[in-house]
């Protein structure tokens, strides 16, 4: 922030901070603590699939209109319905991940709310030697870019901060998405990171789209679209090392997130990409706290060549939240038979852990990304067994006050 701070703006910053604290206290307590809990604490009776083709995400008073999941982003995201006070808590991001035989890359551009700075970060994992690097750039509230309203990154969008560039070029006719990402001095030792890639969009293509409430009334919510199994080719450069990758074994995933979040938030997100039985394979799992059951659905799913296979709710077992415990083996398993959804059992074997944390007292985050491999089996509702082994991926373990 020092490079952007202007002393003449001090009188503007002070009321912004006061406004932040007042709005957070109001929203956290009145919209959080005093909301009634969900009537049904389990997903057994209410694993809602939303199949209405044309609707809106929010109702006329800016609350989440429907709870559940869908496989296409057909609902219009009418964020303009949000009341002004709740809009100050509106958080949004665009994230992209690229998995190649040698690397896993995640880049995210985030706007964390009216009173908060934004950020753009790079998470870099070299599969060959398990080395990692993190590069984060803070964006002052007055310099944050306007993120696109088109869902699932089906859009052309570009930001250039000089030392960081993030660019998406979407070709609807050819069903292609080109990415250009640059982080200068990514490792603090003068080496630049540069990614130039082209993702081919499978046709047809399913997504996992979540309408997740944090309160039973839906005044706080998370609307999210994740997309997998987009074969990708391109080049990756760190310093003088330049690597090419091909779309036969490299894939792009995207994460479009919008929502009004409680001040204290937590999630676990797992993701994997690879090839199984000569087909593009993607794995997605996730749990949002404090009340996962409020969503009436989960985002647990796998993708085969762009087609979703929805999993029933997964039970996640892991040793604990210390770094040492997070690096122990994780297990995932569906725990009740449900004829509408696939069953699964698999493990995640960690290799290394990357930490990206911030602490500005009233704004803090503890993000730990654990890299490793997934192995297991999925049984579809038709009885077909899909076995996968050593699929490269990560688990994002995230706690925040924002």
Protein backbone atom coordinates (compact mmCIF):
# COMPACT_ATOMS: atom_id res chain seq x y z
CA UNK A 1 0.00 0.00 0.00
CA UNK A 2 2.93 2.37 0.63
CA UNK A 3 3.58 2.88 -3.06
CA UNK A 4 -0.03 4.00 -3.60
CA UNK A 5 -0.67 5.96 -0.42
CA UNK A 6 -1.14 9.69 -0.75
CA UNK A 7 -1.00 11.66 2.55
CA UNK A 8 -3.68 14.00 1.23
CA UNK A 9 -6.08 11.06 1.24
CA UNK A 10 -5.76 10.47 5.00
CA UNK A 11 -8.97 12.33 5.76
CA UNK A 12 -10.78 10.04 3.32
CA UNK A 13 -9.22 6.86 4.68
CA UNK A 14 -10.25 7.49 8.30
CA UNK A 15 -14.01 7.64 7.62
CA UNK A 16 -13.65 4.63 5.33
CA UNK A 17 -12.18 2.62 8.19
CA UNK A 18 -14.86 3.80 10.61
CA UNK A 19 -17.52 2.90 8.07
CA UNK A 20 -15.95 -0.51 7.61
CA UNK A 21 -16.05 -1.30 11.31
CA UNK A 22 -19.63 -0.12 11.77
CA UNK A 23 -20.94 -2.02 8.75
CA UNK A 24 -19.06 -5.18 9.75
CA UNK A 25 -20.42 -5.14 13.28
CA UNK A 26 -23.95 -4.55 12.01
CA UNK A 27 -23.80 -7.21 9.34
CA UNK A 28 -21.92 -9.80 11.34
CA UNK A 29 -24.24 -9.66 14.33
CA UNK A 30 -27.61 -8.66 12.92
CA UNK A 31 -27.46 -10.62 9.67
CA UNK A 32 -25.47 -13.49 11.11
CA UNK A 33 -26.14 -14.21 14.76
CA UNK A 34 -29.82 -13.32 14.73
CA UNK A 35 -30.76 -15.31 11.63
CA UNK A 36 -32.61 -18.54 12.37
CA UNK A 37 -30.69 -21.74 11.63
CA UNK A 38 -31.67 -23.93 8.67
CA UNK A 39 -34.73 -26.05 9.35
CA UNK A 40 -33.13 -29.19 7.93
CA UNK A 41 -29.60 -29.81 9.26
CA UNK A 42 -28.83 -32.58 6.75
CA UNK A 43 -28.74 -32.87 2.98
CA UNK A 44 -30.50 -36.24 2.90
CA UNK A 45 -33.91 -34.86 2.01
CA UNK A 46 -32.82 -31.71 0.24
CA UNK A 47 -29.91 -32.21 -2.17
CA UNK A 48 -31.44 -29.61 -4.46
CA UNK A 49 -30.73 -29.62 -8.20
CA UNK A 50 -31.92 -26.35 -9.73
CA UNK A 51 -33.22 -27.01 -13.23
CA UNK A 52 -35.25 -23.87 -13.95
CA UNK A 53 -33.61 -22.49 -17.12
CA UNK A 54 -34.21 -18.76 -16.63
CA UNK A 55 -34.22 -17.17 -13.22
CA UNK A 56 -32.28 -14.70 -11.12
CA UNK A 57 -29.78 -15.43 -8.37
CA UNK A 58 -31.20 -12.79 -5.99
CA UNK A 59 -34.78 -11.90 -5.19
CA UNK A 60 -36.23 -8.38 -5.23
CA UNK A 61 -34.78 -7.53 -1.78
CA UNK A 62 -31.28 -8.79 -2.59
CA UNK A 63 -31.43 -12.16 -0.83
CA UNK A 64 -30.50 -15.49 -2.38
CA UNK A 65 -33.60 -16.62 -4.27
CA UNK A 66 -32.78 -20.36 -4.48
CA UNK A 67 -30.54 -22.77 -2.60
CA UNK A 68 -28.80 -25.68 -4.31
CA UNK A 69 -26.68 -26.52 -7.35
CA UNK A 70 -26.96 -26.50 -11.11
CA UNK A 71 -24.73 -27.61 -13.99
CA UNK A 72 -25.19 -24.53 -16.18
CA UNK A 73 -24.90 -20.81 -15.27
CA UNK A 74 -28.38 -20.04 -16.58
CA UNK A 75 -29.45 -17.82 -13.66
CA UNK A 76 -28.89 -14.11 -14.14
CA UNK A 77 -26.63 -12.72 -11.44
CA UNK A 78 -28.57 -9.56 -10.57
CA UNK A 79 -26.11 -8.13 -8.03
CA UNK A 80 -27.69 -4.67 -8.44
CA UNK A 81 -30.53 -5.86 -6.16
CA UNK A 82 -28.18 -5.78 -3.16
CA UNK A 83 -29.01 -3.06 -0.59
CA UNK A 84 -26.23 -0.51 -0.22
CA UNK A 85 -25.10 -1.61 3.25
CA UNK A 86 -24.82 -5.25 2.24
CA UNK A 87 -23.09 -4.30 -1.01
CA UNK A 88 -20.18 -3.00 1.08
CA UNK A 89 -19.68 -6.65 2.15
CA UNK A 90 -19.87 -7.93 -1.45
CA UNK A 91 -16.77 -9.93 -2.36
CA UNK A 92 -15.84 -11.22 -5.79
CA UNK A 93 -13.01 -12.98 -7.56
CA UNK A 94 -11.83 -14.50 -10.80
CA UNK A 95 -9.39 -17.39 -10.46
CA UNK A 96 -7.72 -19.65 -13.00
CA UNK A 97 -5.68 -22.80 -12.47
CA UNK A 98 -3.48 -24.59 -14.99
CA UNK A 99 -2.17 -28.12 -14.41
CA UNK A 100 0.59 -29.50 -16.62
CA UNK A 101 2.77 -32.62 -16.21
CA UNK A 102 5.38 -30.45 -14.47
CA UNK A 103 3.51 -27.59 -12.75
CA UNK A 104 0.34 -26.47 -11.01
CA UNK A 105 -0.42 -22.76 -11.25
CA UNK A 106 -3.21 -20.82 -9.54
CA UNK A 107 -3.80 -17.10 -10.12
CA UNK A 108 -6.65 -15.19 -8.47
CA UNK A 109 -7.81 -11.57 -8.76
CA UNK A 110 -10.05 -10.56 -5.86
CA UNK A 111 -12.12 -7.57 -4.74
CA UNK A 112 -12.74 -8.10 -1.03
CA UNK A 113 -15.35 -5.41 -0.46
CA UNK A 114 -15.81 -1.64 -0.43
CA UNK A 115 -13.59 -0.95 2.59
CA UNK A 116 -10.95 -3.54 1.79
CA UNK A 117 -8.03 -3.52 -0.62
CA UNK A 118 -8.12 -6.08 -3.39
CA UNK A 119 -5.33 -8.41 -4.36
CA UNK A 120 -3.99 -10.58 -7.12
CA UNK A 121 -1.81 -13.53 -6.26
CA UNK A 122 0.21 -16.30 -7.87
CA UNK A 123 0.61 -19.76 -6.36
CA UNK A 124 3.30 -21.77 -8.18
CA UNK A 125 4.07 -25.45 -7.57
CA UNK A 126 6.78 -27.36 -9.43
CA UNK A 127 5.74 -31.03 -9.44
CA UNK A 128 9.26 -32.15 -10.34
CA UNK A 129 10.93 -31.03 -7.11
CA UNK A 130 7.94 -29.90 -4.96
CA UNK A 131 9.22 -26.31 -4.87
CA UNK A 132 6.72 -23.48 -4.44
CA UNK A 133 6.52 -19.73 -4.62
CA UNK A 134 3.89 -17.13 -3.70
CA UNK A 135 3.57 -13.64 -5.10
CA UNK A 136 0.82 -11.28 -3.89
CA UNK A 137 0.09 -7.74 -4.98
CA UNK A 138 -2.25 -5.60 -2.89
CA UNK A 139 -4.60 -3.26 -4.75
CA UNK A 140 -5.80 -0.16 -2.84
CA UNK A 141 -9.58 0.31 -2.61
CA UNK A 142 -9.46 3.29 -5.00
CA UNK A 143 -7.48 1.35 -7.64
CA UNK A 144 -9.46 -1.89 -7.80
CA UNK A 145 -10.63 -2.90 -11.29
CA UNK A 146 -14.25 -3.63 -12.08
CA UNK A 147 -14.59 -7.38 -12.46
CA UNK A 148 -16.69 -8.80 -15.31
CA UNK A 149 -20.34 -9.72 -14.82
CA UNK A 150 -20.19 -12.57 -17.35
CA UNK A 151 -20.18 -15.86 -15.48
CA UNK A 152 -17.61 -18.67 -15.55
CA UNK A 153 -15.00 -16.47 -17.27
CA UNK A 154 -16.89 -16.65 -20.58
CA UNK A 155 -15.69 -13.12 -21.25
CA UNK A 156 -12.85 -10.94 -22.47
CA UNK A 157 -11.21 -9.13 -19.59
CA UNK A 158 -7.87 -7.48 -18.93
CA UNK A 159 -6.06 -5.66 -16.12
CA UNK A 160 -2.53 -4.27 -16.24
CA UNK A 161 -0.88 -3.02 -13.04
CA UNK A 162 2.52 -2.62 -14.68
CA UNK A 163 4.27 -5.32 -12.69
CA UNK A 164 1.29 -7.71 -12.92
CA UNK A 165 -0.88 -8.45 -15.97
CA UNK A 166 -3.99 -10.67 -16.07
CA UNK A 167 -5.74 -11.06 -19.41
CA UNK A 168 -8.54 -13.31 -20.71
CA UNK A 169 -9.60 -13.35 -24.37
CA UNK A 170 -12.77 -15.35 -25.05
CA UNK A 171 -13.72 -16.53 -28.54
CA UNK A 172 -17.34 -17.67 -28.42
CA UNK A 173 -17.35 -18.86 -32.04
CA UNK A 174 -14.24 -21.03 -31.82
CA UNK A 175 -14.88 -21.97 -28.16
CA UNK A 176 -11.42 -20.94 -27.06
CA UNK A 177 -10.06 -18.95 -24.11
CA UNK A 178 -6.62 -17.37 -24.27
CA UNK A 179 -4.84 -16.40 -21.05
CA UNK A 180 -1.85 -14.14 -20.57
CA UNK A 181 -0.48 -13.73 -17.04
CA UNK A 182 2.66 -11.88 -15.98
CA UNK A 183 4.18 -11.38 -12.54
CA UNK A 184 7.44 -9.45 -12.61
CA UNK A 185 10.02 -10.46 -10.00
CA UNK A 186 7.76 -13.35 -8.97
CA UNK A 187 10.30 -14.94 -6.64
CA UNK A 188 11.85 -11.78 -5.15
CA UNK A 189 15.12 -12.64 -6.88
CA UNK A 190 14.46 -10.97 -10.22
CA UNK A 191 12.81 -13.87 -12.04
CA UNK A 192 9.60 -13.02 -13.89
CA UNK A 193 6.72 -15.47 -14.20
CA UNK A 194 4.85 -15.56 -17.51
CA UNK A 195 2.03 -17.83 -18.68
CA UNK A 196 0.64 -17.82 -22.22
CA UNK A 197 -2.03 -20.47 -22.79
CA UNK A 198 -5.02 -21.43 -24.91
CA UNK A 199 -7.84 -23.48 -23.39
CA UNK A 200 -10.23 -25.40 -25.62
CA UNK A 201 -13.79 -25.43 -24.29
CA UNK A 202 -15.46 -28.87 -24.59
CA UNK A 203 -18.89 -28.91 -26.22
CA UNK A 204 -21.11 -29.61 -24.40
CA UNK A 205 -19.58 -28.32 -21.18
CA UNK A 206 -20.99 -28.71 -17.67
CA UNK A 207 -20.05 -26.59 -14.66
CA UNK A 208 -20.66 -26.88 -10.93
CA UNK A 209 -22.70 -23.81 -10.02
CA UNK A 210 -23.52 -23.28 -6.35
CA UNK A 211 -26.22 -21.10 -4.74
CA UNK A 212 -25.00 -21.24 -1.13
CA UNK A 213 -26.64 -19.32 1.75
CA UNK A 214 -24.74 -18.51 4.93
CA UNK A 215 -27.97 -17.69 6.73
CA UNK A 216 -31.39 -19.25 6.38
CA UNK A 217 -32.82 -16.05 4.93
CA UNK A 218 -30.11 -15.85 2.28
CA UNK A 219 -29.03 -12.29 3.11
CA UNK A 220 -25.46 -13.57 3.17
CA UNK A 221 -24.58 -15.97 0.37
CA UNK A 222 -21.97 -17.33 -2.02
CA UNK A 223 -22.67 -17.70 -5.74
CA UNK A 224 -19.96 -19.72 -7.47
CA UNK A 225 -19.19 -21.35 -10.82
CA UNK A 226 -16.28 -23.74 -11.30
CA UNK A 227 -15.30 -25.26 -14.64
CA UNK A 228 -12.99 -28.21 -15.36
CA UNK A 229 -11.46 -30.38 -18.11
CA UNK A 230 -10.56 -27.64 -20.59
CA UNK A 231 -7.57 -29.04 -22.57
CA UNK A 232 -4.81 -26.42 -22.64
CA UNK A 233 -1.62 -25.75 -24.55
CA UNK A 234 0.91 -23.00 -24.16
CA UNK A 235 4.15 -21.91 -22.53
CA UNK A 236 5.20 -21.28 -18.96
CA UNK A 237 8.28 -19.26 -18.06
CA UNK A 238 10.02 -18.58 -14.77
CA UNK A 239 13.19 -16.57 -15.28
CA UNK A 240 15.18 -18.16 -18.08
CA UNK A 241 13.42 -21.55 -17.89
CA UNK A 242 10.69 -21.86 -20.50
CA UNK A 243 8.46 -24.94 -20.77
CA UNK A 244 5.88 -25.84 -23.39
CA UNK A 245 2.84 -27.95 -22.56
CA UNK A 246 0.29 -29.71 -24.74
CA UNK A 247 -3.48 -30.09 -24.47
CA UNK A 248 -3.28 -33.89 -24.39
CA UNK A 249 -2.24 -33.79 -20.72
CA UNK A 250 -2.67 -30.19 -19.52
CA UNK A 251 -5.90 -28.57 -18.33
CA UNK A 252 -7.40 -25.26 -17.21
CA UNK A 253 -9.91 -24.84 -14.39
CA UNK A 254 -11.74 -21.59 -13.59
CA UNK A 255 -13.39 -20.28 -10.44
CA UNK A 256 -15.94 -17.43 -10.60
CA UNK A 257 -16.97 -16.33 -7.09
CA UNK A 258 -19.42 -13.64 -5.95
CA UNK A 259 -21.08 -13.19 -2.57
CA UNK A 260 -21.86 -11.38 0.65
CA UNK A 261 -19.78 -13.16 3.27
CA UNK A 262 -19.85 -13.19 7.07
CA UNK A 263 -16.84 -11.53 8.65
CA UNK A 264 -15.48 -14.84 9.98
CA UNK A 265 -15.36 -17.41 7.19
CA UNK A 266 -13.78 -20.76 6.47
CA UNK A 267 -13.67 -23.23 3.61
CA UNK A 268 -11.97 -26.37 2.34
CA UNK A 269 -11.69 -26.64 -1.44
CA UNK A 270 -10.12 -29.60 -3.21
CA UNK A 271 -9.30 -29.75 -6.91
CA UNK A 272 -7.55 -32.17 -9.25
CA UNK A 273 -6.95 -32.47 -13.00
CA UNK A 274 -5.51 -35.19 -15.20
CA UNK A 275 -6.23 -38.01 -17.62
CA UNK A 276 -8.20 -41.17 -16.76
CA UNK A 277 -8.90 -43.86 -19.36
CA UNK A 278 -7.68 -41.50 -22.10
CA UNK A 279 -10.29 -38.91 -21.10
CA UNK A 280 -9.93 -35.50 -19.46
CA UNK A 281 -10.68 -35.87 -15.75
CA UNK A 282 -11.46 -33.23 -13.14
CA UNK A 283 -12.23 -33.55 -9.44
CA UNK A 284 -13.90 -30.88 -7.31
CA UNK A 285 -14.87 -30.97 -3.65
CA UNK A 286 -15.68 -28.34 -1.13
CA UNK A 287 -17.16 -27.41 2.20
CA UNK A 288 -18.07 -23.90 3.32
CA UNK A 289 -18.41 -23.17 7.05
CA UNK A 290 -19.93 -22.40 9.53
CA UNK A 291 -22.97 -24.39 8.33
CA UNK A 292 -22.37 -26.61 5.26
CA UNK A 293 -25.91 -28.00 5.47
CA UNK A 294 -27.47 -24.57 4.88
CA UNK A 295 -26.74 -24.88 1.15
CA UNK A 296 -29.05 -27.90 0.75
CA UNK A 297 -26.35 -29.22 -1.63
CA UNK A 298 -22.62 -29.75 -2.03
CA UNK A 299 -20.21 -29.01 -4.86
CA UNK A 300 -18.61 -32.48 -4.67
CA UNK A 301 -18.30 -33.76 -8.24
CA UNK A 302 -16.06 -35.18 -10.94
CA UNK A 303 -15.90 -34.26 -14.62
CA UNK A 304 -15.19 -36.49 -17.62
CA UNK A 305 -14.52 -34.67 -20.91
CA UNK A 306 -16.64 -31.73 -19.78
CA UNK A 307 -19.54 -33.77 -18.41
CA UNK A 308 -20.34 -33.59 -14.69
CA UNK A 309 -20.92 -36.63 -12.49
CA UNK A 310 -22.39 -35.29 -9.26
CA UNK A 311 -21.25 -37.00 -6.08
CA UNK A 312 -23.31 -37.39 -2.95
CA UNK A 313 -22.11 -35.51 0.11
CA UNK A 314 -18.57 -36.45 1.11
CA UNK A 315 -17.26 -36.93 4.62
CA UNK A 316 -13.80 -35.39 4.92
CA UNK A 317 -11.33 -36.85 7.41
CA UNK A 318 -8.02 -35.14 8.12
CA UNK A 319 -5.66 -35.13 11.09
CA UNK A 320 -5.96 -31.49 12.16
CA UNK A 321 -5.22 -27.90 11.26
CA UNK A 322 -1.49 -27.58 12.03
CA UNK A 323 0.93 -27.66 9.11
CA UNK A 324 2.20 -31.07 10.18
CA UNK A 325 -1.33 -32.47 10.45
CA UNK A 326 -2.44 -31.03 7.11
CA UNK A 327 0.47 -32.86 5.47
CA UNK A 328 -0.87 -36.23 6.62
CA UNK A 329 -3.12 -38.29 4.37
CA UNK A 330 -6.73 -37.12 3.86
CA UNK A 331 -9.66 -39.43 3.16
CA UNK A 332 -12.97 -38.68 1.45
CA UNK A 333 -16.02 -40.93 1.25
CA UNK A 334 -19.74 -40.70 0.62
CA UNK A 335 -21.50 -42.04 3.69
CA UNK A 336 -25.06 -42.94 2.72
CA UNK A 337 -26.55 -44.62 -0.37
CA UNK A 338 -28.42 -42.17 -2.58
CA UNK A 339 -29.68 -43.44 -5.95
CA UNK A 340 -29.61 -39.92 -7.41
CA UNK A 341 -25.88 -39.33 -6.93
CA UNK A 342 -22.61 -41.18 -7.46
CA UNK A 343 -20.72 -42.75 -4.59
CA UNK A 344 -16.97 -42.26 -4.02
CA UNK A 345 -14.02 -43.21 -1.85
CA UNK A 346 -10.62 -41.65 -2.37
CA UNK A 347 -7.51 -40.37 -0.64
CA UNK A 348 -5.29 -37.34 -0.96
CA UNK A 349 -1.56 -37.78 -0.33
CA UNK A 350 0.14 -34.42 0.36
CA UNK A 351 3.59 -33.56 -0.93
CA UNK A 352 4.11 -30.00 0.28
CA UNK A 353 2.31 -27.01 1.73
CA UNK A 354 2.26 -23.41 0.51
CA UNK A 355 1.22 -20.61 2.86
CA UNK A 356 -0.21 -17.25 1.82
CA UNK A 357 -1.35 -15.30 4.89
CA UNK A 358 -2.00 -11.65 5.69
CA UNK A 359 -2.73 -9.77 8.89
CA UNK A 360 -3.95 -6.17 8.97
CA UNK A 361 -5.70 -6.58 12.37
CA UNK A 362 -9.28 -6.00 11.18
CA UNK A 363 -8.54 -7.87 7.96
CA UNK A 364 -6.66 -11.14 8.13
CA UNK A 365 -6.44 -14.44 6.30
CA UNK A 366 -4.72 -17.78 6.72
CA UNK A 367 -4.58 -19.64 3.41
CA UNK A 368 -2.69 -22.89 3.17
CA UNK A 369 -2.62 -24.75 -0.12
CA UNK A 370 -1.57 -28.38 0.17
CA UNK A 371 -0.28 -29.98 -3.03
CA UNK A 372 -0.36 -33.70 -3.67
CA UNK A 373 -2.19 -36.48 -5.52
CA UNK A 374 -5.68 -38.00 -5.43
CA UNK A 375 -6.41 -41.72 -5.86
CA UNK A 376 -9.67 -43.60 -5.52
CA UNK A 377 -12.86 -44.79 -7.13
CA UNK A 378 -16.25 -43.38 -8.12
CA UNK A 379 -19.33 -45.54 -8.69
CA UNK A 380 -21.87 -43.87 -10.96
CA UNK A 381 -25.65 -44.23 -10.54
CA UNK A 382 -25.52 -46.70 -13.46
CA UNK A 383 -23.02 -48.83 -11.53
CA UNK A 384 -19.97 -47.99 -13.63
CA UNK A 385 -16.73 -47.79 -11.64
CA UNK A 386 -14.25 -45.06 -12.51
CA UNK A 387 -10.84 -45.63 -10.94
CA UNK A 388 -8.20 -42.91 -10.81
CA UNK A 389 -4.67 -42.87 -9.43
CA UNK A 390 -2.12 -40.16 -8.70
CA UNK A 391 -4.15 -37.27 -10.09
CA UNK A 392 -2.27 -34.03 -9.41
CA UNK A 393 -4.21 -31.54 -7.33
CA UNK A 394 -4.43 -29.46 -4.20
CA UNK A 395 -6.54 -28.74 -1.12
CA UNK A 396 -7.09 -25.14 -0.11
CA UNK A 397 -7.54 -24.73 3.66
CA UNK A 398 -8.73 -21.19 4.31
CA UNK A 399 -9.69 -19.16 7.39
CA UNK A 400 -10.33 -15.44 7.30
CA UNK A 401 -11.72 -12.37 8.98
CA UNK A 402 -12.74 -10.02 6.19
